[in-house]
Amino acid sequence: MLSLLLSLTLLSPAVVAAPPKNYSPPSKSSKSAAIRGEGFIHKRVSAIPGAPQLRSKRDADEVTVANQRLGTTYTIDIDVGTPAQKITVILDTGSPDLWVNPSCETSGQPAYCQSFPQFDYTVSSTIQDTGFADILAYGKGNVTVEYVTDAVTFDGLDITDQIFGIGFESFDIPMGILGLSPPVNPDNAYDFVLDSMAKQGLISSRAFSLDLRAVSDPNGAVIFGGVDTGKFIGELEKLPILDPSETPSGADRYWVYLTGVGITLPDGSASASDVIQVPVFLDSGGTLSRLPTPIFQAIGDVFPGAAFDEDEGAFVVDCSVASQPGSVDFAFNNKVISVPYADFIWQVKEGFCIVGVLPDDDEPVFGDSFLRAAYVVYDQDNRNLHLAQAANCGTNVITIGSGVNAVPSSTGQCTGSDRATATAGQNLDVTQTRAPTNVVTGSNPDATPIPFGPGPAASRVSVTSMGLTNAPVPTGAPAAGTETGTGTEAPQPTESKKNDAAGVKVGMGMGAAVAFGVVNVVAWVL
């Protein structure tokens, strides 16, 4: 398939910024109205990054999320365009945008990237250009996208005229992304997928539940507009999403307060911290969790058999510890989420495992190493998260409504303890930075870097001209006109392409294809 760079041309002046809040896509009478379900959407998904084979799936009307033991990334299959084309994208609660078509040759995993289909926009009869573009920067990697509108379908349930990005230059990202977070930059917000689901009547409010499951269970689930009481223990704990002004980064994400940390050892003894108040956000797009250095060190020092590897910057552990009883325990007010060792240990490669947390004093995040043990309901409309200990005792989906109490007060049908049961005999000091007690070097067998995944979206960098004359420059980045890093020249437009089926030119201007030598977004991590 021809890349966007080869098949698109500059048909208008340089495109500018993301679609504004009041942007309305063109109406198209040829498209049928959105299909309404039962108030929630069970979407079938596949997750296969980092593994050569597909994992098993559940029955047709339930979401399945395949869980990779060697570097977990959770993905979902969606249909895009008319006729529908199946596209696999990363399911990400750390960023808001939907985009497709990564550049496989610069993805870092070209063969893997090429194993997934890309969206052939030339055959869609419903695609429309918006005239807007952006550079989306993540914790690792970035993508330059042109925004279009087209149908996006979840197992027959249509979102019409959905705005999303088509990538034509990306780095270090092997797959497109379906973002489900609030807008990181409200000034550049438009109707994201979750907004459109609610506005077009597929669900009653902007809320969804996520159940990633244990490493041993490849079948997780995401339910838009619903909660499955057969997938958790005890009551859901309602936690307010923090206002951006209360957070370390000032970005609007799924931030909540972590109020305690503990570890339960295989012999049943336990350590627990005093009450703390640490802002963390929940990010399904991150493999590992990243917590303040004192918490990172406290967990590693007590974790059975763990040693700090100075070369890796992580605590390494014998992979056999994953089969031992015990957990890392995290408190959120009255709710404790206990993460079994098997889910908290990440097998980077055969024979090499690390404890699933890294130090981060700037933007703490709970990634998949935590989320596998939690059932989480994300309620954007009411700015609440609801947490419970994940389990699996069947399926009983109830609909999330609208209004202040949209997420119904419910108790999980699964039995068992919804909190750490061991009595803490020792205090776990998570407030002081200290030297690790057990240090090693060279534990990584072949010294290959640990791939931690793209991480959360750092920013949307809006392009205002071909030369970035007035474009915002991230703090610490060089000023415009300064050569940096390994930047490349801006791609140049080629011959014109026309979408004959739609009768409309898909004229995605190349103004967003700015010279990465001017602003080295590739290396920018906020």
Foldseek 3Di string as FASTA:
>chain_A
DDFCLAAFFAPDAFFWAFDFAPDDDDDDPVDDAFDADPQKAAFDFWEDPPHDDTDDEDDDRHYFWFADQQFGFTWGWKFWAVVTDIFIATEKQQAFAWEWDEDLVQQVHNVRLVVTDGDDVLQGQQKAFPRFWWWFFFLAKIFTWGWIFTWMGGPRGIQHRAIHTYTRYMHNHSTTHQYLWPHQDNRNDYQTPLNSCCVSNRHVASKKKWACAANVDRTTGIMGQKDWLQWFAWWWDKFFQDQLVPALQSTRGRKGWWFWKKKQDLVLEMAIAHTDTHIAGEIQQWRFWAEAQLQQQLCQQPPPQWAQAPLQQFTWHFLVCLPGFMFIWIDHVPFIFTQTSVLQWRDNDPGTITGRYHYDPRHTYGYRSRSNQWIWMQGPVQRIIIIWGTDHDDTDMDGQHDDNCRPPTDGRPDDDDGHRPGDHPHYRDSPDRDDHPHYDYDPPPVPDHRDGGRHHTQDIWIADFQQSPPTDADPPWDAFPAFDDPWAAFRHHDDFDQSVSNPGGNNRRSGSSHTCRRTVSNPDRD
